[in-house]
């Protein structure tokens, strides 16, 4: 796909290289082997559109001042047939380049020809990447952390796909282990309390106290009556856990689907245990020499694995000693495998069995201490977790209304769940606001999310799209249709707001690349707000209706292409692009 910003950068490098070669051939400059120069986009366009630092980088090698080098380069530079109208020396020896209409026309052509694919690339072509996100325990409603993780994971998957990767979205269902035992015990207590009375049956101290447990126990009683009262505790808990999971998991799937999130697979932890894959993984770690037995339990020598990795990374003994590294239990003395053992097996399954080149997990910041341990376990298995397993840690969400922290739902009187949130806030607004930079704590302003004015960023961007659609409809009714890019005279789009808008359209390719590189799809949010702002300024400054035909056609084309890029960006976020508001 065509990235006109990258094309311009490449052309600056090429023009500078050829000018240098010509100057060297003329004996005016020495050879510039090993010179590494950058190309930058100045913040102030008064300084040009692109800047080369070649003369500054070459000064030491060439034993000349940067300004002298820059002057010689300019004397030997041929801009004919390029995207640039002029080049000049600035400051200590910067070479500033100014774009000509051919570059602006190239942007319009790229947006038109690529349509819905505009901004996409094949940078990650042939990479098979799994993004695992949300993976909430199926023992209760999804909370705000899950809501944020859902959007971050889904939009990150979208930007990775837009950069050419083969992406797999997965939800890991923790349907085994301690939390399920606690879930079953909690349901059992509430079920028996329905039959025998609350005072007759104690509730587990570490049980789940939510009203959702009471509701599930009542639903089970309604379905089964007291038929489980005289069953063995093990049998009763198994039936109750199964009953609860069969209702909770479809509810989670339904809520996430309403949130516009669809997974390629819901992977169940129980499968890893039932097939012996967890035990087999522990055996592999033992065979690799990284486990030992102590007090009847099987331990992973996590501290040794991490120490080996830290030494490879060049860390000193003193640094390592400060970290207080610890080992982890894989199998308890009672024979049951820990959650960490299952997690290691699950990630081994991702890499070894299913062949993902890279795995990305969206986790809460409270999992920070787990990152190095899991990567180390993959390294111990020979799966290169250090380089192939990436963890995006997201910070907490704080809900606000009128500046006050909100913890309870108005509708239910309970802690706000994803379901409650979507009853109060439109899905598009929720997706937009939760797609904030993951490593910062976010304040979700419930009042702002439903406002219909320019203070609400999602409304501001959607309104820009709808405004352009309205403009197109009105002009179409007067017989004015959007021309092809080849029919537009780009030199007419020379005003400050026009060139700024075209540059912003070109920037979409860069922001999409950066979103994938940084694992931060909030680049797209910020870009879209800027694009909407550029359009509103253009629309205020530049009349379209009533202008002479050539200028009308050029401005109409620019407006339509802005609409197209706004739609592309909103689609990546899973947000609608309304045609009327």
Protein backbone atom coordinates (compact mmCIF):
# COMPACT_ATOMS: atom_id res chain seq x y z
CA UNK A 1 0.00 0.00 0.00
CA UNK A 2 1.11 3.57 -0.61
CA UNK A 3 2.48 5.51 2.36
CA UNK A 4 3.07 8.98 0.95
CA UNK A 5 4.88 10.19 4.08
CA UNK A 6 7.34 7.31 3.86
CA UNK A 7 7.67 7.90 0.12
CA UNK A 8 8.59 11.53 0.75
CA UNK A 9 11.11 10.55 3.43
CA UNK A 10 12.68 7.99 1.11
CA UNK A 11 12.86 10.55 -1.66
CA UNK A 12 14.63 13.09 0.59
CA UNK A 13 17.22 10.45 1.44
CA UNK A 14 17.62 9.52 -2.23
CA UNK A 15 17.92 13.15 -3.40
CA UNK A 16 20.52 13.85 -0.72
CA UNK A 17 22.46 10.67 -1.51
CA UNK A 18 22.56 11.46 -5.23
CA UNK A 19 23.60 15.06 -4.57
CA UNK A 20 26.40 13.78 -2.33
CA UNK A 21 27.56 11.31 -4.96
CA UNK A 22 27.64 14.08 -7.56
CA UNK A 23 29.62 16.37 -5.23
CA UNK A 24 32.07 13.57 -4.41
CA UNK A 25 32.53 12.84 -8.13
CA UNK A 26 33.26 16.56 -8.67
CA UNK A 27 35.88 16.47 -5.95
CA UNK A 28 34.01 18.94 -3.75
CA UNK A 29 33.21 16.53 -0.93
CA UNK A 30 35.05 13.49 0.42
CA UNK A 31 33.31 10.10 0.49
CA UNK A 32 30.58 9.89 3.15
CA UNK A 33 30.83 6.24 4.14
CA UNK A 34 29.12 5.40 7.41
CA UNK A 35 27.11 8.62 7.63
CA UNK A 36 23.67 7.95 9.14
CA UNK A 37 21.25 10.79 8.62
CA UNK A 38 17.61 11.16 9.52
CA UNK A 39 14.64 12.78 7.85
CA UNK A 40 12.24 14.66 10.09
CA UNK A 41 8.92 16.45 9.70
CA UNK A 42 9.20 19.92 11.30
CA UNK A 43 6.42 20.93 13.64
CA UNK A 44 6.37 24.39 12.09
CA UNK A 45 5.76 24.23 8.33
CA UNK A 46 7.46 27.62 8.03
CA UNK A 47 10.63 25.52 8.29
CA UNK A 48 9.63 23.33 5.37
CA UNK A 49 7.74 20.08 5.08
CA UNK A 50 10.70 17.68 5.50
CA UNK A 51 14.16 18.20 6.95
CA UNK A 52 17.36 16.24 6.32
CA UNK A 53 20.09 16.14 8.99
CA UNK A 54 22.66 14.73 6.53
CA UNK A 55 24.99 17.75 6.61
CA UNK A 56 25.13 17.74 10.41
CA UNK A 57 25.74 13.99 10.55
CA UNK A 58 28.50 14.19 7.88
CA UNK A 59 30.41 17.13 9.34
CA UNK A 60 32.82 15.07 11.41
CA UNK A 61 33.50 12.55 8.62
CA UNK A 62 33.95 15.23 5.95
CA UNK A 63 35.86 17.70 8.17
CA UNK A 64 33.68 20.56 6.96
CA UNK A 65 31.00 22.71 8.60
CA UNK A 66 27.42 21.48 8.19
CA UNK A 67 26.38 24.66 6.38
CA UNK A 68 29.23 24.30 3.89
CA UNK A 69 28.26 20.69 3.21
CA UNK A 70 24.58 21.66 2.86
CA UNK A 71 25.47 24.40 0.36
CA UNK A 72 27.49 21.98 -1.79
CA UNK A 73 24.67 19.43 -1.67
CA UNK A 74 22.14 22.05 -2.79
CA UNK A 75 24.36 23.00 -5.74
CA UNK A 76 24.32 19.36 -6.90
CA UNK A 77 20.68 18.52 -6.13
CA UNK A 78 18.17 17.92 -8.92
CA UNK A 79 14.54 18.16 -7.73
CA UNK A 80 12.98 17.65 -11.17
CA UNK A 81 10.41 14.85 -11.18
CA UNK A 82 10.39 14.74 -7.36
CA UNK A 83 7.71 15.58 -4.80
CA UNK A 84 9.58 18.78 -3.87
CA UNK A 85 9.33 22.31 -5.20
CA UNK A 86 12.41 23.61 -3.39
CA UNK A 87 15.15 22.91 -0.87
CA UNK A 88 17.02 25.40 1.30
CA UNK A 89 19.56 25.61 4.12
CA UNK A 90 18.37 26.45 7.63
CA UNK A 91 19.97 26.89 11.01
CA UNK A 92 23.21 25.04 11.67
CA UNK A 93 22.99 23.15 8.40
CA UNK A 94 19.59 21.54 8.09
CA UNK A 95 18.30 20.93 4.57
CA UNK A 96 14.61 21.87 4.40
CA UNK A 97 12.41 20.56 1.58
CA UNK A 98 9.04 21.97 0.49
CA UNK A 99 6.42 19.81 -1.16
CA UNK A 100 4.95 20.52 -4.59
CA UNK A 101 1.41 19.71 -5.85
CA UNK A 102 2.46 16.26 -7.13
CA UNK A 103 2.78 14.96 -3.57
CA UNK A 104 -0.66 16.29 -2.59
CA UNK A 105 -2.11 14.75 -5.74
CA UNK A 106 -0.43 11.48 -4.81
CA UNK A 107 -2.18 11.46 -1.44
CA UNK A 108 -5.57 12.00 -3.10
CA UNK A 109 -4.85 9.20 -5.59
CA UNK A 110 -3.76 6.80 -2.84
CA UNK A 111 -6.88 7.39 -0.71
CA UNK A 112 -9.10 6.94 -3.77
CA UNK A 113 -7.42 3.85 -5.22
CA UNK A 114 -7.04 2.00 -1.93
CA UNK A 115 -10.47 2.83 -0.50
CA UNK A 116 -11.22 0.72 2.57
CA UNK A 117 -7.65 -0.63 2.44
CA UNK A 118 -6.10 2.84 2.68
CA UNK A 119 -3.58 3.01 5.53
CA UNK A 120 -3.00 -0.73 5.57
CA UNK A 121 0.35 -2.37 4.85
CA UNK A 122 2.03 -5.76 4.64
CA UNK A 123 4.67 -4.89 7.28
CA UNK A 124 3.66 -7.94 9.38
CA UNK A 125 2.92 -10.22 6.44
CA UNK A 126 3.23 -13.95 7.21
CA UNK A 127 3.36 -13.32 10.98
CA UNK A 128 0.90 -15.50 12.88
CA UNK A 129 -0.05 -13.60 16.04
CA UNK A 130 -2.42 -14.50 18.86
CA UNK A 131 -3.99 -11.76 20.95
CA UNK A 132 -5.47 -13.13 24.17
CA UNK A 133 -7.64 -10.67 26.06
CA UNK A 134 -10.28 -10.32 28.76
CA UNK A 135 -10.01 -13.98 29.92
CA UNK A 136 -12.14 -13.09 32.95
CA UNK A 137 -12.95 -15.75 35.52
CA UNK A 138 -16.36 -17.20 34.59
CA UNK A 139 -17.47 -17.05 38.22
CA UNK A 140 -19.18 -13.67 38.05
CA UNK A 141 -20.01 -10.58 35.96
CA UNK A 142 -17.33 -8.81 33.95
CA UNK A 143 -16.02 -5.60 35.50
CA UNK A 144 -14.48 -2.38 34.21
CA UNK A 145 -11.01 -3.87 33.84
CA UNK A 146 -12.49 -6.52 31.56
CA UNK A 147 -14.33 -3.80 29.63
CA UNK A 148 -11.10 -1.92 29.04
CA UNK A 149 -9.11 -5.05 28.21
CA UNK A 150 -11.77 -6.11 25.73
CA UNK A 151 -11.46 -2.93 23.69
CA UNK A 152 -7.66 -2.77 23.89
CA UNK A 153 -7.34 -6.39 22.77
CA UNK A 154 -9.89 -6.13 19.99
CA UNK A 155 -8.55 -2.89 18.54
CA UNK A 156 -4.93 -4.05 18.85
CA UNK A 157 -5.89 -7.18 16.91
CA UNK A 158 -7.49 -4.94 14.27
CA UNK A 159 -4.40 -2.76 13.81
CA UNK A 160 -2.13 -5.81 13.64
CA UNK A 161 -4.39 -7.22 10.91
CA UNK A 162 -4.24 -3.86 9.12
CA UNK A 163 -0.46 -4.22 9.11
CA UNK A 164 -0.69 -7.61 7.40
CA UNK A 165 -0.54 -10.05 10.33
CA UNK A 166 -2.62 -13.23 10.57
CA UNK A 167 -4.38 -12.54 13.88
CA UNK A 168 -6.17 -14.95 16.19
CA UNK A 169 -8.38 -13.55 18.98
CA UNK A 170 -8.71 -15.82 22.01
CA UNK A 171 -10.46 -15.88 25.38
CA UNK A 172 -8.92 -18.20 27.99
CA UNK A 173 -11.66 -19.63 30.20
CA UNK A 174 -10.40 -20.45 33.71
CA UNK A 175 -12.88 -23.29 34.27
CA UNK A 176 -10.57 -25.32 36.53
CA UNK A 177 -8.61 -24.82 39.70
CA UNK A 178 -9.11 -23.00 42.96
CA UNK A 179 -11.52 -20.30 41.75
CA UNK A 180 -13.91 -22.96 40.40
CA UNK A 181 -13.73 -24.90 43.68
CA UNK A 182 -14.58 -21.66 45.51
CA UNK A 183 -17.38 -20.96 43.00
CA UNK A 184 -18.85 -24.42 43.56
CA UNK A 185 -18.58 -24.14 47.35
CA UNK A 186 -20.30 -20.73 47.27
CA UNK A 187 -23.14 -22.06 45.11
CA UNK A 188 -23.48 -25.11 47.33
CA UNK A 189 -23.84 -23.00 50.45
CA UNK A 190 -26.49 -20.74 48.87
CA UNK A 191 -28.34 -23.74 47.42
CA UNK A 192 -28.51 -25.52 50.77
CA UNK A 193 -29.50 -22.28 52.50
CA UNK A 194 -32.54 -22.09 50.21
CA UNK A 195 -33.57 -25.55 51.41
CA UNK A 196 -32.44 -25.53 55.06
CA UNK A 197 -32.38 -21.83 55.91
CA UNK A 198 -29.50 -19.34 56.00
CA UNK A 199 -28.71 -19.93 59.67
CA UNK A 200 -28.43 -23.68 59.13
CA UNK A 201 -25.64 -23.55 56.55
CA UNK A 202 -22.44 -21.54 57.07
CA UNK A 203 -21.09 -19.64 54.08
CA UNK A 204 -17.40 -20.14 53.21
CA UNK A 205 -15.27 -17.27 54.55
CA UNK A 206 -13.41 -17.00 51.24
CA UNK A 207 -16.53 -17.61 49.13
CA UNK A 208 -18.04 -15.36 46.48
CA UNK A 209 -20.58 -13.13 48.25
CA UNK A 210 -22.20 -11.45 45.25
CA UNK A 211 -25.91 -11.46 44.51
CA UNK A 212 -25.13 -13.27 41.25
CA UNK A 213 -24.25 -16.37 43.32
CA UNK A 214 -27.61 -16.20 45.10
CA UNK A 215 -29.37 -15.83 41.74
CA UNK A 216 -27.56 -18.83 40.25
CA UNK A 217 -28.30 -20.98 43.32
CA UNK A 218 -31.97 -20.02 43.10
CA UNK A 219 -32.02 -20.85 39.37
CA UNK A 220 -30.51 -24.24 40.11
CA UNK A 221 -33.05 -24.88 42.85
CA UNK A 222 -35.85 -23.85 40.47
CA UNK A 223 -34.53 -26.35 37.92
CA UNK A 224 -33.53 -29.24 40.22
CA UNK A 225 -35.59 -28.73 43.36
CA UNK A 226 -33.98 -30.35 46.41
CA UNK A 227 -32.69 -33.34 44.40
CA UNK A 228 -29.07 -32.40 45.18
CA UNK A 229 -29.62 -32.08 48.95
CA UNK A 230 -28.72 -35.67 49.73
CA UNK A 231 -26.02 -36.09 47.06
CA UNK A 232 -22.40 -36.33 48.14
CA UNK A 233 -20.68 -32.96 48.53
CA UNK A 234 -18.35 -33.70 45.63
CA UNK A 235 -21.22 -34.65 43.31
CA UNK A 236 -23.36 -31.66 44.39
CA UNK A 237 -20.53 -29.18 43.86
CA UNK A 238 -19.74 -30.64 40.45
CA UNK A 239 -23.37 -30.28 39.32
CA UNK A 240 -23.64 -26.74 40.71
CA UNK A 241 -20.36 -25.62 39.12
CA UNK A 242 -21.44 -27.05 35.78
CA UNK A 243 -24.84 -25.37 36.09
CA UNK A 244 -23.27 -22.01 36.92
CA UNK A 245 -20.65 -22.12 34.17
CA UNK A 246 -23.24 -23.14 31.57
CA UNK A 247 -25.08 -19.93 32.34
CA UNK A 248 -22.20 -17.55 33.05
CA UNK A 249 -20.09 -18.32 30.00
CA UNK A 250 -22.88 -17.77 27.40
CA UNK A 251 -23.75 -14.54 29.27
CA UNK A 252 -20.13 -13.40 28.92
CA UNK A 253 -20.17 -14.30 25.24
CA UNK A 254 -23.41 -12.41 24.76
CA UNK A 255 -22.15 -9.31 26.59
CA UNK A 256 -18.92 -9.25 24.59
CA UNK A 257 -20.81 -9.73 21.32
CA UNK A 258 -22.98 -6.75 22.24
CA UNK A 259 -19.69 -4.94 22.80
CA UNK A 260 -18.78 -5.84 19.18
CA UNK A 261 -16.17 -8.39 20.23
CA UNK A 262 -16.04 -11.79 18.55
CA UNK A 263 -13.37 -14.37 19.34
CA UNK A 264 -11.87 -17.00 17.08
CA UNK A 265 -11.80 -19.36 20.04
CA UNK A 266 -12.84 -19.69 23.66
CA UNK A 267 -10.09 -21.94 25.03
CA UNK A 268 -10.96 -23.91 28.19
CA UNK A 269 -8.34 -24.50 30.87
CA UNK A 270 -10.02 -27.77 31.80
CA UNK A 271 -8.95 -29.22 28.42
CA UNK A 272 -5.30 -28.78 29.40
CA UNK A 273 -5.85 -30.77 32.61
CA UNK A 274 -8.13 -33.44 31.13
CA UNK A 275 -5.76 -34.25 28.27
CA UNK A 276 -2.71 -34.47 30.54
CA UNK A 277 -1.10 -31.49 28.84
CA UNK A 278 -0.32 -29.72 32.12
CA UNK A 279 1.37 -32.84 33.54
CA UNK A 280 3.27 -33.34 30.28
CA UNK A 281 4.49 -29.73 30.39
CA UNK A 282 5.77 -30.20 33.94
CA UNK A 283 7.59 -33.34 32.78
CA UNK A 284 9.24 -31.34 29.97
CA UNK A 285 10.47 -28.77 32.47
CA UNK A 286 11.79 -31.58 34.64
CA UNK A 287 13.57 -33.15 31.66
CA UNK A 288 15.15 -29.74 30.93
CA UNK A 289 16.55 -29.69 34.48
CA UNK A 290 14.46 -26.81 35.80
CA UNK A 291 12.35 -28.50 38.51
CA UNK A 292 12.96 -30.04 41.92
CA UNK A 293 10.85 -31.65 44.65
CA UNK A 294 10.50 -30.25 48.13
CA UNK A 295 8.06 -31.27 50.88
CA UNK A 296 6.11 -33.39 48.42
CA UNK A 297 5.56 -30.53 45.95
CA UNK A 298 7.10 -30.04 42.51
CA UNK A 299 8.81 -26.65 42.14
CA UNK A 300 9.98 -24.70 39.12
CA UNK A 301 13.46 -23.18 39.56
CA UNK A 302 12.13 -19.81 38.44
CA UNK A 303 14.89 -17.89 40.21
CA UNK A 304 17.59 -19.81 38.31
CA UNK A 305 15.83 -19.32 34.96
CA UNK A 306 15.44 -15.58 35.53
CA UNK A 307 18.99 -15.26 36.80
CA UNK A 308 20.28 -16.95 33.63
CA UNK A 309 18.22 -14.55 31.50
CA UNK A 310 19.43 -11.52 33.46
CA UNK A 311 23.05 -12.56 33.07
CA UNK A 312 22.54 -12.94 29.32
CA UNK A 313 21.14 -9.39 29.33
CA UNK A 314 24.30 -8.14 31.05
CA UNK A 315 22.90 -7.51 34.54
CA UNK A 316 25.40 -7.55 37.40
CA UNK A 317 25.40 -9.88 40.44
CA UNK A 318 24.52 -6.89 42.62
CA UNK A 319 21.50 -6.00 40.46
CA UNK A 320 20.30 -9.61 40.45
CA UNK A 321 20.70 -9.96 44.23
CA UNK A 322 18.42 -6.94 44.75
CA UNK A 323 15.55 -8.57 42.88
CA UNK A 324 14.87 -11.26 45.50
CA UNK A 325 13.96 -13.90 42.88
CA UNK A 326 11.74 -16.77 44.04
CA UNK A 327 10.74 -20.20 42.79
CA UNK A 328 7.17 -21.33 42.01
CA UNK A 329 5.15 -24.41 42.88
CA UNK A 330 3.96 -26.35 39.84
CA UNK A 331 2.29 -29.29 41.59
CA UNK A 332 1.14 -29.15 45.20
CA UNK A 333 1.79 -31.94 47.67
CA UNK A 334 -1.85 -33.03 47.21
CA UNK A 335 -1.13 -33.77 43.52
CA UNK A 336 -3.05 -30.81 42.09
CA UNK A 337 -1.34 -28.54 39.60
CA UNK A 338 -1.23 -24.80 40.27
CA UNK A 339 -2.67 -22.04 38.12
CA UNK A 340 0.89 -21.11 37.10
CA UNK A 341 1.51 -24.66 35.85
CA UNK A 342 -1.66 -24.49 33.75
CA UNK A 343 -0.66 -21.06 32.43
CA UNK A 344 2.74 -22.41 31.36
CA UNK A 345 1.02 -25.33 29.61
CA UNK A 346 -1.43 -22.97 27.91
CA UNK A 347 1.35 -20.81 26.52
CA UNK A 348 3.35 -23.84 25.47
CA UNK A 349 0.21 -24.89 23.58
CA UNK A 350 0.13 -21.49 21.85
CA UNK A 351 3.72 -21.68 20.64
CA UNK A 352 4.50 -25.37 20.26
CA UNK A 353 1.21 -26.96 19.32
CA UNK A 354 -0.51 -24.15 17.41
CA UNK A 355 2.58 -22.49 16.00
CA UNK A 356 2.00 -18.81 16.73
CA UNK A 357 5.04 -16.68 15.90
CA UNK A 358 4.11 -14.14 18.54
CA UNK A 359 1.68 -14.11 21.45
CA UNK A 360 0.31 -10.92 22.99
CA UNK A 361 -1.60 -10.94 26.27
CA UNK A 362 -3.62 -8.00 27.60
CA UNK A 363 -3.30 -8.11 31.38
CA UNK A 364 -4.12 -5.87 34.31
CA UNK A 365 -1.18 -4.04 35.88
CA UNK A 366 -1.49 -6.25 38.98
CA UNK A 367 -0.03 -9.10 36.88
CA UNK A 368 3.27 -7.25 36.47
CA UNK A 369 5.21 -9.76 38.59
CA UNK A 370 3.94 -12.65 36.47
CA UNK A 371 5.43 -11.38 33.19
CA UNK A 372 9.10 -12.34 33.63
CA UNK A 373 8.18 -15.65 35.28
CA UNK A 374 6.00 -16.78 32.39
CA UNK A 375 8.52 -15.63 29.78
CA UNK A 376 11.22 -17.46 31.71
CA UNK A 377 9.17 -20.67 31.74
CA UNK A 378 8.82 -20.43 27.95
CA UNK A 379 12.59 -19.91 27.69
CA UNK A 380 13.14 -23.02 29.83
CA UNK A 381 10.98 -24.98 27.36
CA UNK A 382 13.07 -23.69 24.44
CA UNK A 383 10.22 -21.50 23.11
CA UNK A 384 11.98 -18.11 23.36
CA UNK A 385 9.40 -16.42 25.55
CA UNK A 386 11.72 -13.44 26.03
CA UNK A 387 11.31 -12.43 22.39
CA UNK A 388 8.01 -14.05 21.37
CA UNK A 389 5.71 -13.42 24.34
CA UNK A 390 4.58 -9.80 24.77
CA UNK A 391 2.44 -8.55 27.63
CA UNK A 392 0.47 -5.30 27.46
CA UNK A 393 -0.20 -4.17 31.02
CA UNK A 394 -3.20 -1.88 31.39
CA UNK A 395 -3.86 0.39 34.32
CA UNK A 396 -7.05 0.70 36.33
CA UNK A 397 -10.27 2.40 35.25
CA UNK A 398 -11.97 5.01 37.43
CA UNK A 399 -15.61 5.77 36.62
CA UNK A 400 -16.70 9.36 37.21
CA UNK A 401 -20.02 11.18 37.16
CA UNK A 402 -20.06 14.93 37.76
CA UNK A 403 -16.49 14.68 39.02
CA UNK A 404 -17.37 12.05 41.65
CA UNK A 405 -16.12 8.44 41.64
CA UNK A 406 -18.90 5.97 40.81
CA UNK A 407 -18.80 2.39 42.08
CA UNK A 408 -22.43 1.36 42.08
CA UNK A 409 -24.94 1.01 39.26
CA UNK A 410 -27.99 3.29 39.42
CA UNK A 411 -30.09 0.49 37.95
CA UNK A 412 -28.97 -2.45 40.09
CA UNK A 413 -27.43 -0.81 43.15
CA UNK A 414 -24.46 -3.18 42.76
CA UNK A 415 -20.89 -2.76 41.53
CA UNK A 416 -20.99 -1.63 37.91
CA UNK A 417 -20.48 -4.48 35.46
CA UNK A 418 -19.96 -4.35 31.71
CA UNK A 419 -23.67 -5.03 31.26
CA UNK A 420 -24.60 -2.11 33.51
CA UNK A 421 -22.19 0.20 31.69
CA UNK A 422 -23.68 -0.59 28.30
CA UNK A 423 -27.14 0.15 29.68
CA UNK A 424 -25.97 3.68 30.44
CA UNK A 425 -23.38 4.47 27.75
CA UNK A 426 -23.58 3.77 23.98
CA UNK A 427 -21.33 0.93 22.83
CA UNK A 428 -19.44 3.24 20.45
CA UNK A 429 -18.65 5.66 23.28
CA UNK A 430 -17.54 2.84 25.57
CA UNK A 431 -15.24 1.42 22.89
CA UNK A 432 -13.80 4.86 22.12
CA UNK A 433 -13.08 5.87 25.72
CA UNK A 434 -11.66 2.51 26.81
CA UNK A 435 -9.21 2.59 23.90
CA UNK A 436 -6.99 4.98 25.84
CA UNK A 437 -3.23 4.55 26.18
CA UNK A 438 -2.97 1.26 28.13
CA UNK A 439 -0.14 2.19 30.49
CA UNK A 440 -1.99 5.14 32.00
CA UNK A 441 -4.80 5.06 34.56
CA UNK A 442 -7.94 6.31 32.90
CA UNK A 443 -10.89 8.31 34.15
CA UNK A 444 -14.06 7.29 32.34
CA UNK A 445 -16.44 10.26 32.53
CA UNK A 446 -19.95 8.81 32.21
CA UNK A 447 -21.45 12.26 31.63
CA UNK A 448 -18.98 13.15 28.88
CA UNK A 449 -19.53 9.82 27.12
CA UNK A 450 -23.20 10.63 26.43
CA UNK A 451 -22.81 14.31 25.57
CA UNK A 452 -23.67 15.35 22.04
CA UNK A 453 -21.23 18.18 21.51
CA UNK A 454 -17.63 18.81 20.52
CA UNK A 455 -16.38 18.14 24.07
CA UNK A 456 -17.14 14.45 23.53
CA UNK A 457 -14.36 13.19 21.19
CA UNK A 458 -16.30 10.29 19.71
CA UNK A 459 -19.24 12.59 18.95
CA UNK A 460 -16.83 15.16 17.49
CA UNK A 461 -15.33 12.60 15.10
CA UNK A 462 -18.64 10.97 14.16
CA UNK A 463 -20.14 14.41 13.55
CA UNK A 464 -17.31 15.26 11.12
CA UNK A 465 -18.17 12.13 9.14
CA UNK A 466 -21.90 12.86 9.19
CA UNK A 467 -21.29 16.48 8.22
CA UNK A 468 -19.35 15.42 5.12
CA UNK A 469 -22.07 12.91 4.18
CA UNK A 470 -24.65 15.69 4.46
CA UNK A 471 -22.51 17.94 2.26
CA UNK A 472 -22.19 15.20 -0.37
CA UNK A 473 -25.95 14.57 -0.35
CA UNK A 474 -26.77 18.26 -0.73
CA UNK A 475 -24.33 18.76 -3.61
CA UNK A 476 -25.45 15.54 -5.30
CA UNK A 477 -29.01 16.90 -5.25
CA UNK A 478 -27.67 19.87 -7.24
CA UNK A 479 -25.92 17.59 -9.72
CA UNK A 480 -22.42 17.91 -8.24
CA UNK A 481 -20.72 14.51 -7.99
CA UNK A 482 -17.34 13.68 -6.51
CA UNK A 483 -14.72 13.65 -9.29
CA UNK A 484 -11.95 11.10 -9.76
CA UNK A 485 -8.55 12.08 -8.33
CA UNK A 486 -7.09 12.20 -11.85
CA UNK A 487 -9.61 14.93 -12.75
CA UNK A 488 -8.64 17.16 -9.79
CA UNK A 489 -6.11 19.97 -10.03
CA UNK A 490 -4.26 19.53 -6.73
CA UNK A 491 -2.45 22.85 -7.19
CA UNK A 492 -5.76 24.57 -6.40
CA UNK A 493 -5.66 23.07 -2.89
CA UNK A 494 -2.91 25.41 -1.77
CA UNK A 495 -4.50 27.15 1.20
CA UNK A 496 -3.17 26.51 4.69
CA UNK A 497 -6.19 24.50 5.86
CA UNK A 498 -6.30 22.52 2.61
CA UNK A 499 -2.66 21.44 2.69
CA UNK A 500 -2.90 20.71 6.43
CA UNK A 501 -5.90 18.44 5.79
CA UNK A 502 -4.14 16.53 3.00
CA UNK A 503 -1.07 16.06 5.20
CA UNK A 504 -3.34 14.70 7.93
CA UNK A 505 -4.86 12.22 5.46
CA UNK A 506 -1.33 11.04 4.59
CA UNK A 507 -0.50 10.63 8.28
CA UNK A 508 -3.07 7.83 8.70
CA UNK A 509 -0.61 5.28 7.28
CA UNK A 510 2.02 6.33 9.81
CA UNK A 511 -0.35 6.24 12.78
CA UNK A 512 -1.53 2.77 11.81
CA UNK A 513 2.08 1.59 11.65
CA UNK A 514 2.87 3.14 15.03
CA UNK A 515 -0.25 1.58 16.60
CA UNK A 516 1.04 -1.87 15.70
CA UNK A 517 4.65 -1.10 16.60
CA UNK A 518 3.79 0.30 20.05
CA UNK A 519 0.89 -2.09 20.78
CA UNK A 520 -1.10 1.09 21.38
CA UNK A 521 -4.22 1.49 19.20
CA UNK A 522 -5.03 4.78 20.95
CA UNK A 523 -2.82 6.35 18.26
CA UNK A 524 -5.94 6.00 16.08
CA UNK A 525 -8.19 7.88 18.54
CA UNK A 526 -5.81 10.81 18.70
CA UNK A 527 -5.34 10.79 14.94
CA UNK A 528 -9.09 10.85 14.26
CA UNK A 529 -9.67 13.79 16.61
CA UNK A 530 -6.91 15.69 14.79
CA UNK A 531 -8.33 14.73 11.39
CA UNK A 532 -11.83 15.88 12.40
CA UNK A 533 -10.34 19.15 13.62
CA UNK A 534 -8.45 19.65 10.35
CA UNK A 535 -11.66 19.06 8.42
CA UNK A 536 -13.75 21.45 10.52
CA UNK A 537 -11.11 24.18 10.07
CA UNK A 538 -10.96 23.51 6.32
CA UNK A 539 -14.75 23.59 6.03
CA UNK A 540 -14.92 26.89 7.93
CA UNK A 541 -12.18 28.54 5.86
CA UNK A 542 -12.90 27.12 2.40
CA UNK A 543 -16.23 27.49 0.67
CA UNK A 544 -17.27 24.57 -1.54
CA UNK A 545 -20.80 25.25 -2.74
CA UNK A 546 -20.88 28.11 -5.24
CA UNK A 547 -17.16 28.10 -6.08
CA UNK A 548 -15.98 27.97 -9.69
CA UNK A 549 -16.12 24.38 -11.05
CA UNK A 550 -12.43 23.37 -10.81
CA UNK A 551 -12.03 24.59 -7.24
CA UNK A 552 -15.39 23.15 -6.18
CA UNK A 553 -14.38 19.78 -7.62
CA UNK A 554 -11.01 19.79 -5.84
CA UNK A 555 -12.48 20.75 -2.47
CA UNK A 556 -15.35 18.29 -2.85
CA UNK A 557 -12.83 15.52 -3.56
CA UNK A 558 -10.83 16.47 -0.50
CA UNK A 559 -13.95 16.41 1.68
CA UNK A 560 -14.98 13.00 0.34
CA UNK A 561 -11.55 11.52 0.96
CA UNK A 562 -11.62 12.84 4.50
CA UNK A 563 -14.93 11.02 4.94
CA UNK A 564 -13.31 7.82 3.65
CA UNK A 565 -10.35 7.99 6.04
CA UNK A 566 -12.57 8.87 9.02
CA UNK A 567 -14.64 5.79 8.25
CA UNK A 568 -11.53 3.59 7.95
CA UNK A 569 -10.20 4.79 11.29
CA UNK A 570 -13.52 4.38 13.10
CA UNK A 571 -13.87 0.86 11.68
CA UNK A 572 -10.53 -0.11 13.26
CA UNK A 573 -11.90 1.01 16.63
CA UNK A 574 -15.17 -0.86 16.11
CA UNK A 575 -17.05 2.45 16.12
CA UNK A 576 -19.82 3.32 13.67
CA UNK A 577 -19.43 6.08 11.07
CA UNK A 578 -22.95 7.58 10.95
CA UNK A 579 -24.15 9.35 7.83
CA UNK A 580 -26.72 11.40 9.75
CA UNK A 581 -26.71 12.81 13.28
